[in-house]
Amino acid sequence: MSMKKLVLLFCLLFLAACAKPEVTVTQNVTANVTENKTAAPVETFGRIVVSVGSQGDIDLDTLIFEVTEVQAYLKAEDEWVKLTSAKVPFDLVALNNQQSILIDAPVDPGEYTQLKFRVNDAEGTKGDAEYEVVLPNTYFVVNTKLTVAKDKVSSAQIIFLPNTISLLADKGYMKPSVKIITTNDADVIVEDKIITVTGGTPGSDDSHDVIDLYTEAQLLSMKTHCSSDCKDACVDTANDCVTSCEEKVENGCDTEDEDLCRDSCNEFMHPADCRDGCQESTVGGCMDHLVPRCSIGCSATLDTCNTTCSTNCR
């Protein structure tokens, strides 16, 4: 072999030996890791796996909300580490009693004592109806005890408890709490985005406690908006009631048939009022008697609706 070839071979071997190890993300990653530290070689990282699910019956066919940002608080450095800013949707109805992976991210070893989420308002469906489901706030923070070790996995399972969901017209209001289960040095299996966590050490003895996501002031503000929106919807319902009543009464009086006339007005007013109007000798007399009673009858609908608002927006 010539001297030139020996020198070239030596240089190639030297460069290969001195190359820095590549930082890679494990195959379970489901969202991009952004703004996370990447300077250290991959073997110095641990991993945080965060998943989301729900527990308890939800009176909807679907309830989809979108997590748009996740951060973890690294206690030793007194800083928030952004794990992802990807938008990840979840259907809390479909995830009842199971967990779907949110993020699998490499992080520096250390103790992470809080997780911060940003969540968009949810969308719900029930039959053919669609609802915008409003949350009291877009950010929430939960305490954790994730002790991340080199080459180890720490898991945080976030369980939403949709305690109260009020459905009003095309809008709903959700006041959730959560439970959080943290496990260090865990074995995590992911299949079709559903995770199973086995082994490991519980992060803390109180990991199953219920955590209220929002302050009393935030809930009071939501209650105010809920009540206002609800009463506006009640007024619309009452107005629709009056319009429907007047149209049906007009058609009923026009028939000049007492039985058909009564069928048109019985649902809106007292049967005696309906009877007396339908027994009038002329169409005009029938209308004059029944139409004003549409507003009286529908006002009861308004009162009932407002009472429901006070209950649902508690």
C-alpha atoms as a PDB file:
ATOM      1  CA  MET A   1       0.000   0.000   0.000  1.00  0.00           C
ATOM      2  CA  SER A   2       1.304   3.444  -0.943  1.00  0.00           C
ATOM      3  CA  MET A   3       2.210   6.068   1.643  1.00  0.00           C
ATOM      4  CA  LYS A   4      -0.640   8.371   0.409  1.00  0.00           C
ATOM      5  CA  LYS A   5      -3.239   5.639   0.939  1.00  0.00           C
ATOM      6  CA  LEU A   6      -1.890   4.917   4.446  1.00  0.00           C
ATOM      7  CA  VAL A   7      -2.142   8.592   5.381  1.00  0.00           C
ATOM      8  CA  LEU A   8      -5.711   8.843   3.987  1.00  0.00           C
ATOM      9  CA  LEU A   9      -6.828   5.710   5.862  1.00  0.00           C
ATOM     10  CA  PHE A  10      -5.311   7.006   9.110  1.00  0.00           C
ATOM     11  CA  CYS A  11      -7.166  10.329   8.747  1.00  0.00           C
ATOM     12  CA  LEU A  12     -10.506   8.635   8.130  1.00  0.00           C
ATOM     13  CA  LEU A  13     -10.095   6.385  11.162  1.00  0.00           C
ATOM     14  CA  PHE A  14      -9.083   9.361  13.300  1.00  0.00           C
ATOM     15  CA  LEU A  15     -12.131  11.385  12.286  1.00  0.00           C
ATOM     16  CA  ALA A  16     -14.513   8.475  12.930  1.00  0.00           C
ATOM     17  CA  ALA A  17     -13.064   7.879  16.386  1.00  0.00           C
ATOM     18  CA  CYS A  18     -13.367  11.528  17.409  1.00  0.00           C
ATOM     19  CA  ALA A  19     -16.886  12.191  16.098  1.00  0.00           C
ATOM     20  CA  LYS A  20     -19.393  13.313  18.786  1.00  0.00           C
ATOM     21  CA  PRO A  21     -22.192  10.845  19.527  1.00  0.00           C
ATOM     22  CA  GLU A  22     -25.481  11.744  17.839  1.00  0.00           C
ATOM     23  CA  VAL A  23     -28.373  12.923  20.039  1.00  0.00           C
ATOM     24  CA  THR A  24     -31.416  10.809  19.185  1.00  0.00           C
ATOM     25  CA  VAL A  25     -34.943  10.511  20.491  1.00  0.00           C
ATOM     26  CA  THR A  26     -36.433   7.135  21.374  1.00  0.00           C
ATOM     27  CA  GLN A  27     -38.812   5.438  18.977  1.00  0.00           C
ATOM     28  CA  ASN A  28     -41.793   6.121  21.248  1.00  0.00           C
ATOM     29  CA  VAL A  29     -41.669   9.882  20.698  1.00  0.00           C
ATOM     30  CA  THR A  30     -45.042  11.174  19.512  1.00  0.00           C
ATOM     31  CA  ALA A  31     -44.408  14.925  19.526  1.00  0.00           C
ATOM     32  CA  ASN A  32     -41.381  17.003  18.702  1.00  0.00           C
ATOM     33  CA  VAL A  33     -39.109  17.943  21.579  1.00  0.00           C
ATOM     34  CA  THR A  34     -38.548  21.652  21.244  1.00  0.00           C
ATOM     35  CA  GLU A  35     -36.361  24.059  23.164  1.00  0.00           C
ATOM     36  CA  ASN A  36     -35.026  21.206  25.254  1.00  0.00           C
ATOM     37  CA  LYS A  37     -31.322  20.909  26.094  1.00  0.00           C
ATOM     38  CA  THR A  38     -29.467  18.935  23.436  1.00  0.00           C
ATOM     39  CA  ALA A  39     -25.831  19.755  24.154  1.00  0.00           C
ATOM     40  CA  ALA A  40     -25.087  16.704  26.279  1.00  0.00           C
ATOM     41  CA  PRO A  41     -24.465  13.284  24.713  1.00  0.00           C
ATOM     42  CA  VAL A  42     -27.567  11.106  24.542  1.00  0.00           C
ATOM     43  CA  GLU A  43     -26.347   8.649  27.183  1.00  0.00           C
ATOM     44  CA  THR A  44     -26.534  11.361  29.883  1.00  0.00           C
ATOM     45  CA  PHE A  45     -30.291  11.874  29.399  1.00  0.00           C
ATOM     46  CA  GLY A  46     -33.225  10.328  31.192  1.00  0.00           C
ATOM     47  CA  ARG A  47     -36.779  10.396  29.858  1.00  0.00           C
ATOM     48  CA  ILE A  48     -40.126  11.817  30.956  1.00  0.00           C
ATOM     49  CA  VAL A  49     -43.229  10.148  29.566  1.00  0.00           C
ATOM     50  CA  VAL A  50     -46.472  12.057  30.105  1.00  0.00           C
ATOM     51  CA  SER A  51     -49.866  10.557  29.294  1.00  0.00           C
ATOM     52  CA  VAL A  52     -53.469  11.743  29.537  1.00  0.00           C
ATOM     53  CA  GLY A  53     -56.729   9.953  30.312  1.00  0.00           C
ATOM     54  CA  SER A  54     -60.014  10.371  32.166  1.00  0.00           C
ATOM     55  CA  GLN A  55     -62.079   8.706  34.838  1.00  0.00           C
ATOM     56  CA  GLY A  56     -65.824   8.873  35.337  1.00  0.00           C
ATOM     57  CA  ASP A  57     -68.882   9.065  33.117  1.00  0.00           C
ATOM     58  CA  ILE A  58     -69.173  12.032  30.745  1.00  0.00           C
ATOM     59  CA  ASP A  59     -72.606  12.923  29.373  1.00  0.00           C
ATOM     60  CA  LEU A  60     -71.286  13.450  25.847  1.00  0.00           C
ATOM     61  CA  ASP A  61     -70.481  11.276  22.855  1.00  0.00           C
ATOM     62  CA  THR A  62     -67.102  12.963  22.384  1.00  0.00           C
ATOM     63  CA  LEU A  63     -65.116  15.525  24.382  1.00  0.00           C
ATOM     64  CA  ILE A  64     -61.991  16.560  22.517  1.00  0.00           C
ATOM     65  CA  PHE A  65     -59.486  19.031  23.895  1.00  0.00           C
ATOM     66  CA  GLU A  66     -56.047  19.976  22.665  1.00  0.00           C
ATOM     67  CA  VAL A  67     -52.855  20.244  24.700  1.00  0.00           C
ATOM     68  CA  THR A  68     -50.630  22.815  23.011  1.00  0.00           C
ATOM     69  CA  GLU A  69     -47.653  23.067  25.357  1.00  0.00           C
ATOM     70  CA  VAL A  70     -46.031  21.075  28.166  1.00  0.00           C
ATOM     71  CA  GLN A  71     -43.257  22.225  30.502  1.00  0.00           C
ATOM     72  CA  ALA A  72     -41.530  20.528  33.442  1.00  0.00           C
ATOM     73  CA  TYR A  73     -39.975  22.393  36.375  1.00  0.00           C
ATOM     74  CA  LEU A  74     -36.372  21.310  37.118  1.00  0.00           C
ATOM     75  CA  LYS A  75     -35.933  22.092  40.796  1.00  0.00           C
ATOM     76  CA  ALA A  76     -32.121  22.169  40.959  1.00  0.00           C
ATOM     77  CA  GLU A  77     -31.841  24.672  38.110  1.00  0.00           C
ATOM     78  CA  ASP A  78     -34.944  26.660  39.130  1.00  0.00           C
ATOM     79  CA  GLU A  79     -36.172  26.642  35.552  1.00  0.00           C
ATOM     80  CA  TRP A  80     -38.986  25.431  33.349  1.00  0.00           C
ATOM     81  CA  VAL A  81     -37.963  23.020  30.586  1.00  0.00           C
ATOM     82  CA  LYS A  82     -40.265  22.999  27.574  1.00  0.00           C
ATOM     83  CA  LEU A  83     -40.980  19.403  26.619  1.00  0.00           C
ATOM     84  CA  THR A  84     -43.174  20.133  23.627  1.00  0.00           C
ATOM     85  CA  SER A  85     -45.157  22.850  21.902  1.00  0.00           C
ATOM     86  CA  ALA A  86     -46.893  20.424  19.542  1.00  0.00           C
ATOM     87  CA  LYS A  87     -50.695  20.372  19.423  1.00  0.00           C
ATOM     88  CA  VAL A  88     -51.975  16.997  20.612  1.00  0.00           C
ATOM     89  CA  PRO A  89     -55.765  16.291  20.677  1.00  0.00           C
ATOM     90  CA  PHE A  90     -57.422  13.899  23.136  1.00  0.00           C
ATOM     91  CA  ASP A  91     -60.957  12.539  23.380  1.00  0.00           C
ATOM     92  CA  LEU A  92     -61.675  12.234  27.110  1.00  0.00           C
ATOM     93  CA  VAL A  93     -64.776  10.106  26.453  1.00  0.00           C
ATOM     94  CA  ALA A  94     -62.770   7.509  24.507  1.00  0.00           C
ATOM     95  CA  LEU A  95     -59.966   7.616  27.106  1.00  0.00           C
ATOM     96  CA  ASN A  96     -62.134   6.746  30.099  1.00  0.00           C
ATOM     97  CA  ASN A  97     -60.016   4.495  32.349  1.00  0.00           C
ATOM     98  CA  GLN A  98     -57.057   4.412  29.972  1.00  0.00           C
ATOM     99  CA  GLN A  99     -54.069   6.583  29.098  1.00  0.00           C
ATOM    100  CA  SER A 100     -52.887   7.994  25.767  1.00  0.00           C
ATOM    101  CA  ILE A 101     -49.313   9.176  25.354  1.00  0.00           C
ATOM    102  CA  LEU A 102     -48.782  12.929  25.228  1.00  0.00           C
ATOM    103  CA  ILE A 103     -44.990  13.256  25.192  1.00  0.00           C
ATOM    104  CA  ASP A 104     -41.904  11.062  25.477  1.00  0.00           C
ATOM    105  CA  ALA A 105     -38.970  13.440  25.858  1.00  0.00           C
ATOM    106  CA  PRO A 106     -35.268  13.165  26.764  1.00  0.00           C
ATOM    107  CA  VAL A 107     -34.375  15.459  29.669  1.00  0.00           C
ATOM    108  CA  ASP A 108     -31.442  16.109  31.998  1.00  0.00           C
ATOM    109  CA  PRO A 109     -31.458  13.904  35.116  1.00  0.00           C
ATOM    110  CA  GLY A 110     -32.878  15.589  38.203  1.00  0.00           C
ATOM    111  CA  GLU A 111     -36.024  16.155  40.234  1.00  0.00           C
ATOM    112  CA  TYR A 112     -38.946  17.660  38.339  1.00  0.00           C
ATOM    113  CA  THR A 113     -41.520  18.940  40.839  1.00  0.00           C
ATOM    114  CA  GLN A 114     -44.195  20.450  38.580  1.00  0.00           C
ATOM    115  CA  LEU A 115     -45.769  20.021  35.157  1.00  0.00           C
ATOM    116  CA  LYS A 116     -47.380  22.948  33.340  1.00  0.00           C
ATOM    117  CA  PHE A 117     -49.909  22.461  30.543  1.00  0.00           C
ATOM    118  CA  ARG A 118     -51.571  24.789  28.117  1.00  0.00           C
ATOM    119  CA  VAL A 119     -54.964  23.541  27.009  1.00  0.00           C
ATOM    120  CA  ASN A 120     -57.337  24.981  24.423  1.00  0.00           C
ATOM    121  CA  ASP A 121     -61.085  25.016  25.024  1.00  0.00           C
ATOM    122  CA  ALA A 122     -62.658  21.673  24.244  1.00  0.00           C
ATOM    123  CA  GLU A 123     -65.251  20.617  21.684  1.00  0.00           C
ATOM    124  CA  GLY A 124     -68.014  18.189  22.547  1.00  0.00           C
ATOM    125  CA  THR A 125     -70.744  16.361  20.641  1.00  0.00           C
ATOM    126  CA  LYS A 126     -73.954  14.694  21.760  1.00  0.00           C
ATOM    127  CA  GLY A 127     -76.021  13.214  18.990  1.00  0.00           C
ATOM    128  CA  ASP A 128     -76.212  15.826  16.251  1.00  0.00           C
ATOM    129  CA  ALA A 129     -75.504  18.692  18.656  1.00  0.00           C
ATOM    130  CA  GLU A 130     -72.063  20.311  18.875  1.00  0.00           C
ATOM    131  CA  TYR A 131     -70.754  22.275  21.858  1.00  0.00           C
ATOM    132  CA  GLU A 132     -67.856  24.607  22.529  1.00  0.00           C
ATOM    133  CA  VAL A 133     -66.761  23.499  26.005  1.00  0.00           C
ATOM    134  CA  VAL A 134     -65.149  26.370  27.912  1.00  0.00           C
ATOM    135  CA  LEU A 135     -62.481  25.911  30.596  1.00  0.00           C
ATOM    136  CA  PRO A 136     -61.841  28.468  33.369  1.00  0.00           C
ATOM    137  CA  ASN A 137     -58.252  29.044  32.254  1.00  0.00           C
ATOM    138  CA  THR A 138     -55.907  27.913  29.488  1.00  0.00           C
ATOM    139  CA  TYR A 139     -52.931  27.109  31.745  1.00  0.00           C
ATOM    140  CA  PHE A 140     -52.774  24.751  34.683  1.00  0.00           C
ATOM    141  CA  VAL A 141     -49.965  23.453  36.870  1.00  0.00           C
ATOM    142  CA  VAL A 142     -49.829  20.155  38.781  1.00  0.00           C
ATOM    143  CA  ASN A 143     -47.303  19.133  41.409  1.00  0.00           C
ATOM    144  CA  THR A 144     -45.241  16.050  40.632  1.00  0.00           C
ATOM    145  CA  LYS A 145     -42.314  14.117  42.009  1.00  0.00           C
ATOM    146  CA  LEU A 146     -40.475  12.890  38.951  1.00  0.00           C
ATOM    147  CA  THR A 147     -36.931  11.860  39.827  1.00  0.00           C
ATOM    148  CA  VAL A 148     -35.333  11.309  36.432  1.00  0.00           C
ATOM    149  CA  ALA A 149     -32.163   9.193  36.347  1.00  0.00           C
ATOM    150  CA  LYS A 150     -29.723   8.637  33.492  1.00  0.00           C
ATOM    151  CA  ASP A 151     -31.021   6.061  30.993  1.00  0.00           C
ATOM    152  CA  LYS A 152     -34.230   5.657  33.056  1.00  0.00           C
ATOM    153  CA  VAL A 153     -37.879   6.547  32.420  1.00  0.00           C
ATOM    154  CA  SER A 154     -40.146   8.532  34.747  1.00  0.00           C
ATOM    155  CA  SER A 155     -43.864   8.454  33.993  1.00  0.00           C
ATOM    156  CA  ALA A 156     -46.608  10.968  34.816  1.00  0.00           C
ATOM    157  CA  GLN A 157     -50.187   9.811  34.180  1.00  0.00           C
ATOM    158  CA  ILE A 158     -52.647  12.717  34.195  1.00  0.00           C
ATOM    159  CA  ILE A 159     -56.227  11.593  34.904  1.00  0.00           C
ATOM    160  CA  PHE A 160     -58.923  14.192  34.209  1.00  0.00           C
ATOM    161  CA  LEU A 161     -62.039  14.082  36.379  1.00  0.00           C
ATOM    162  CA  PRO A 162     -64.700  16.111  34.513  1.00  0.00           C
ATOM    163  CA  ASN A 163     -66.644  16.840  37.727  1.00  0.00           C
ATOM    164  CA  THR A 164     -69.151  19.231  36.196  1.00  0.00           C
ATOM    165  CA  ILE A 165     -70.028  19.792  32.564  1.00  0.00           C
ATOM    166  CA  SER A 166     -72.963  22.153  31.982  1.00  0.00           C
ATOM    167  CA  LEU A 167     -74.434  22.137  28.471  1.00  0.00           C
ATOM    168  CA  LEU A 168     -76.241  25.357  27.558  1.00  0.00           C
ATOM    169  CA  ALA A 169     -77.487  25.916  24.003  1.00  0.00           C
ATOM    170  CA  ASP A 170     -74.371  25.397  21.865  1.00  0.00           C
ATOM    171  CA  LYS A 171     -71.887  26.032  24.686  1.00  0.00           C
ATOM    172  CA  GLY A 172     -70.700  23.986  27.632  1.00  0.00           C
ATOM    173  CA  TYR A 173     -68.685  24.739  30.770  1.00  0.00           C
ATOM    174  CA  MET A 174     -66.261  22.240  32.272  1.00  0.00           C
ATOM    175  CA  LYS A 175     -64.797  22.379  35.780  1.00  0.00           C
ATOM    176  CA  PRO A 176     -62.283  19.503  35.878  1.00  0.00           C
ATOM    177  CA  SER A 177     -59.983  18.236  38.573  1.00  0.00           C
ATOM    178  CA  VAL A 178     -57.164  15.747  38.042  1.00  0.00           C
ATOM    179  CA  LYS A 179     -55.401  12.904  39.721  1.00  0.00           C
ATOM    180  CA  ILE A 180     -51.752  12.332  38.882  1.00  0.00           C
ATOM    181  CA  ILE A 181     -49.835   9.068  39.184  1.00  0.00           C
ATOM    182  CA  THR A 182     -46.056   9.382  38.989  1.00  0.00           C
ATOM    183  CA  THR A 183     -43.674   6.450  38.641  1.00  0.00           C
ATOM    184  CA  ASN A 184     -39.877   6.564  38.511  1.00  0.00           C
ATOM    185  CA  ASP A 185     -37.633   3.957  36.872  1.00  0.00           C
ATOM    186  CA  ALA A 186     -40.752   2.717  35.102  1.00  0.00           C
ATOM    187  CA  ASP A 187     -41.332   0.268  32.259  1.00  0.00           C
ATOM    188  CA  VAL A 188     -43.618   1.922  29.714  1.00  0.00           C
ATOM    189  CA  ILE A 189     -45.255   0.052  26.851  1.00  0.00           C
ATOM    190  CA  VAL A 190     -46.981   1.997  24.054  1.00  0.00           C
ATOM    191  CA  GLU A 191     -49.410   0.331  21.663  1.00  0.00           C
ATOM    192  CA  ASP A 192     -51.552   2.436  19.305  1.00  0.00           C
ATOM    193  CA  LYS A 193     -50.774   5.457  21.522  1.00  0.00           C
ATOM    194  CA  ILE A 194     -52.265   3.734  24.595  1.00  0.00           C
ATOM    195  CA  ILE A 195     -49.679   3.284  27.344  1.00  0.00           C
ATOM    196  CA  THR A 196     -49.219   0.732  30.082  1.00  0.00           C
ATOM    197  CA  VAL A 197     -46.889   1.497  32.997  1.00  0.00           C
ATOM    198  CA  THR A 198     -45.428  -1.366  35.031  1.00  0.00           C
ATOM    199  CA  GLY A 199     -42.759  -1.723  37.684  1.00  0.00           C
ATOM    200  CA  GLY A 200     -40.822   1.219  39.005  1.00  0.00           C
ATOM    201  CA  THR A 201     -41.167   3.219  42.195  1.00  0.00           C
ATOM    202  CA  PRO A 202     -44.124   5.500  43.027  1.00  0.00           C
ATOM    203  CA  GLY A 203     -43.119   9.144  42.858  1.00  0.00           C
ATOM    204  CA  SER A 204     -44.943  10.081  46.061  1.00  0.00           C
ATOM    205  CA  ASP A 205     -47.420   8.657  48.558  1.00  0.00           C
ATOM    206  CA  ASP A 206     -50.040  11.303  47.707  1.00  0.00           C
ATOM    207  CA  SER A 207     -49.868  10.758  43.931  1.00  0.00           C
ATOM    208  CA  HIS A 208     -53.531   9.678  43.837  1.00  0.00           C
ATOM    209  CA  ASP A 209     -54.906  12.787  45.557  1.00  0.00           C
ATOM    210  CA  VAL A 210     -57.397  14.866  43.603  1.00  0.00           C
ATOM    211  CA  ILE A 211     -56.005  18.222  42.506  1.00  0.00           C
ATOM    212  CA  ASP A 212     -58.298  21.161  41.729  1.00  0.00           C
ATOM    213  CA  LEU A 213     -56.913  22.743  38.574  1.00  0.00           C
ATOM    214  CA  TYR A 214     -58.338  26.201  39.086  1.00  0.00           C
ATOM    215  CA  THR A 215     -58.568  28.845  41.781  1.00  0.00           C
ATOM    216  CA  GLU A 216     -61.837  29.914  43.382  1.00  0.00           C
ATOM    217  CA  ALA A 217     -61.572  33.273  41.586  1.00  0.00           C
ATOM    218  CA  GLN A 218     -61.239  31.570  38.196  1.00  0.00           C
ATOM    219  CA  LEU A 219     -64.234  29.353  38.887  1.00  0.00           C
ATOM    220  CA  LEU A 220     -66.268  32.352  40.078  1.00  0.00           C
ATOM    221  CA  SER A 221     -65.418  34.196  36.869  1.00  0.00           C
ATOM    222  CA  MET A 222     -66.493  31.183  34.825  1.00  0.00           C
ATOM    223  CA  LYS A 223     -69.701  30.941  36.871  1.00  0.00           C
ATOM    224  CA  THR A 224     -70.480  34.572  36.042  1.00  0.00           C
ATOM    225  CA  HIS A 225     -69.920  34.018  32.308  1.00  0.00           C
ATOM    226  CA  CYS A 226     -71.838  30.748  32.412  1.00  0.00           C
ATOM    227  CA  SER A 227     -74.809  32.362  34.146  1.00  0.00           C
ATOM    228  CA  SER A 228     -74.840  35.318  31.753  1.00  0.00           C
ATOM    229  CA  ASP A 229     -74.637  33.105  28.677  1.00  0.00           C
ATOM    230  CA  CYS A 230     -77.239  30.752  30.101  1.00  0.00           C
ATOM    231  CA  LYS A 231     -79.768  33.528  30.791  1.00  0.00           C
ATOM    232  CA  ASP A 232     -79.220  34.955  27.311  1.00  0.00           C
ATOM    233  CA  ALA A 233     -79.954  31.498  25.923  1.00  0.00           C
ATOM    234  CA  CYS A 234     -83.100  31.332  28.084  1.00  0.00           C
ATOM    235  CA  VAL A 235     -84.365  34.614  26.620  1.00  0.00           C
ATOM    236  CA  ASP A 236     -83.784  33.242  23.109  1.00  0.00           C
ATOM    237  CA  THR A 237     -85.639  30.049  24.061  1.00  0.00           C
ATOM    238  CA  ALA A 238     -88.580  32.033  25.454  1.00  0.00           C
ATOM    239  CA  ASN A 239     -88.739  34.216  22.328  1.00  0.00           C
ATOM    240  CA  ASP A 240     -88.716  31.109  20.139  1.00  0.00           C
ATOM    241  CA  CYS A 241     -91.503  29.709  22.324  1.00  0.00           C
ATOM    242  CA  VAL A 242     -93.690  32.800  21.763  1.00  0.00           C
ATOM    243  CA  THR A 243     -93.081  32.766  18.003  1.00  0.00           C
ATOM    244  CA  SER A 244     -93.927  29.066  17.755  1.00  0.00           C
ATOM    245  CA  CYS A 245     -97.027  29.496  19.927  1.00  0.00           C
ATOM    246  CA  GLU A 246     -98.387  32.397  17.859  1.00  0.00           C
ATOM    247  CA  GLU A 247     -97.872  30.485  14.604  1.00  0.00           C
ATOM    248  CA  LYS A 248     -99.603  27.349  15.901  1.00  0.00           C
ATOM    249  CA  VAL A 249    -102.447  29.295  17.506  1.00  0.00           C
ATOM    250  CA  GLU A 250    -103.086  31.163  14.255  1.00  0.00           C
ATOM    251  CA  ASN A 251    -103.226  27.873  12.344  1.00  0.00           C
ATOM    252  CA  GLY A 252    -105.462  26.334  15.025  1.00  0.00           C
ATOM    253  CA  CYS A 253    -107.926  29.224  15.005  1.00  0.00           C
ATOM    254  CA  ASP A 254    -108.038  29.192  11.214  1.00  0.00           C
ATOM    255  CA  THR A 255    -109.293  25.607  11.220  1.00  0.00           C
ATOM    256  CA  GLU A 256    -112.447  26.671  13.137  1.00  0.00           C
ATOM    257  CA  ASP A 257    -112.338  23.175  14.629  1.00  0.00           C
ATOM    258  CA  GLU A 258    -112.251  23.180  18.434  1.00  0.00           C
ATOM    259  CA  ASP A 259    -110.322  19.908  18.808  1.00  0.00           C
ATOM    260  CA  LEU A 260    -107.635  20.904  16.277  1.00  0.00           C
ATOM    261  CA  CYS A 261    -107.448  24.346  17.841  1.00  0.00           C
ATOM    262  CA  ARG A 262    -106.908  22.866  21.294  1.00  0.00           C
ATOM    263  CA  ASP A 263    -104.142  20.622  19.922  1.00  0.00           C
ATOM    264  CA  SER A 264    -102.350  23.741  18.717  1.00  0.00           C
ATOM    265  CA  CYS A 265    -102.354  25.623  22.030  1.00  0.00           C
ATOM    266  CA  ASN A 266    -102.452  23.094  24.872  1.00  0.00           C
ATOM    267  CA  GLU A 267     -98.639  22.816  25.083  1.00  0.00           C
ATOM    268  CA  PHE A 268     -98.230  26.574  25.568  1.00  0.00           C
ATOM    269  CA  MET A 269    -100.914  27.610  28.060  1.00  0.00           C
ATOM    270  CA  HIS A 270    -103.402  26.429  30.678  1.00  0.00           C
ATOM    271  CA  PRO A 271    -105.978  24.043  29.142  1.00  0.00           C
ATOM    272  CA  ALA A 272    -108.846  26.246  30.353  1.00  0.00           C
ATOM    273  CA  ASP A 273    -107.443  29.273  28.506  1.00  0.00           C
ATOM    274  CA  CYS A 274    -106.926  27.146  25.421  1.00  0.00           C
ATOM    275  CA  ARG A 275    -110.512  25.834  25.633  1.00  0.00           C
ATOM    276  CA  ASP A 276    -112.076  29.258  26.077  1.00  0.00           C
ATOM    277  CA  GLY A 277    -110.198  30.702  23.097  1.00  0.00           C
ATOM    278  CA  CYS A 278    -111.035  27.811  20.826  1.00  0.00           C
ATOM    279  CA  GLN A 279    -114.738  28.134  21.713  1.00  0.00           C
ATOM    280  CA  GLU A 280    -114.858  31.710  20.426  1.00  0.00           C
ATOM    281  CA  SER A 281    -117.354  32.083  17.588  1.00  0.00           C
ATOM    282  CA  THR A 282    -114.967  33.829  15.187  1.00  0.00           C
ATOM    283  CA  VAL A 283    -111.373  33.371  14.064  1.00  0.00           C
ATOM    284  CA  GLY A 284    -110.585  36.912  15.196  1.00  0.00           C
ATOM    285  CA  GLY A 285    -112.072  36.313  18.632  1.00  0.00           C
ATOM    286  CA  CYS A 286    -110.056  33.099  18.956  1.00  0.00           C
ATOM    287  CA  MET A 287    -106.844  34.912  18.049  1.00  0.00           C
ATOM    288  CA  ASP A 288    -107.556  37.841  20.375  1.00  0.00           C
ATOM    289  CA  HIS A 289    -108.040  35.457  23.270  1.00  0.00           C
ATOM    290  CA  LEU A 290    -105.129  33.081  22.665  1.00  0.00           C
ATOM    291  CA  VAL A 291    -102.236  35.136  21.226  1.00  0.00           C
ATOM    292  CA  PRO A 292    -101.670  37.294  24.371  1.00  0.00           C
ATOM    293  CA  ARG A 293    -101.562  34.117  26.448  1.00  0.00           C
ATOM    294  CA  CYS A 294     -98.588  32.855  24.439  1.00  0.00           C
ATOM    295  CA  SER A 295     -96.308  35.332  26.233  1.00  0.00           C
ATOM    296  CA  ILE A 296     -97.799  34.376  29.608  1.00  0.00           C
ATOM    297  CA  GLY A 297     -97.280  30.680  28.986  1.00  0.00           C
ATOM    298  CA  CYS A 298     -93.761  31.083  27.624  1.00  0.00           C
ATOM    299  CA  SER A 299     -92.716  33.226  30.602  1.00  0.00           C
ATOM    300  CA  ALA A 300     -93.027  30.059  32.691  1.00  0.00           C
ATOM    301  CA  THR A 301     -90.558  28.445  30.289  1.00  0.00           C
ATOM    302  CA  LEU A 302     -88.202  31.373  30.886  1.00  0.00           C
ATOM    303  CA  ASP A 303     -88.489  31.070  34.689  1.00  0.00           C
ATOM    304  CA  THR A 304     -87.801  27.331  34.570  1.00  0.00           C
ATOM    305  CA  CYS A 305     -84.808  27.889  32.284  1.00  0.00           C
ATOM    306  CA  ASN A 306     -83.336  30.582  34.580  1.00  0.00           C
ATOM    307  CA  THR A 307     -83.699  28.250  37.566  1.00  0.00           C
ATOM    308  CA  THR A 308     -81.812  25.583  35.620  1.00  0.00           C
ATOM    309  CA  CYS A 309     -79.068  28.133  34.918  1.00  0.00           C
ATOM    310  CA  SER A 310     -78.591  28.769  38.632  1.00  0.00           C
ATOM    311  CA  THR A 311     -78.199  25.028  39.195  1.00  0.00           C
ATOM    312  CA  ASN A 312     -75.963  24.217  36.239  1.00  0.00           C
ATOM    313  CA  CYS A 313     -73.642  27.209  36.683  1.00  0.00           C
ATOM    314  CA  ARG A 314     -73.023  26.601  40.384  1.00  0.00           C
END
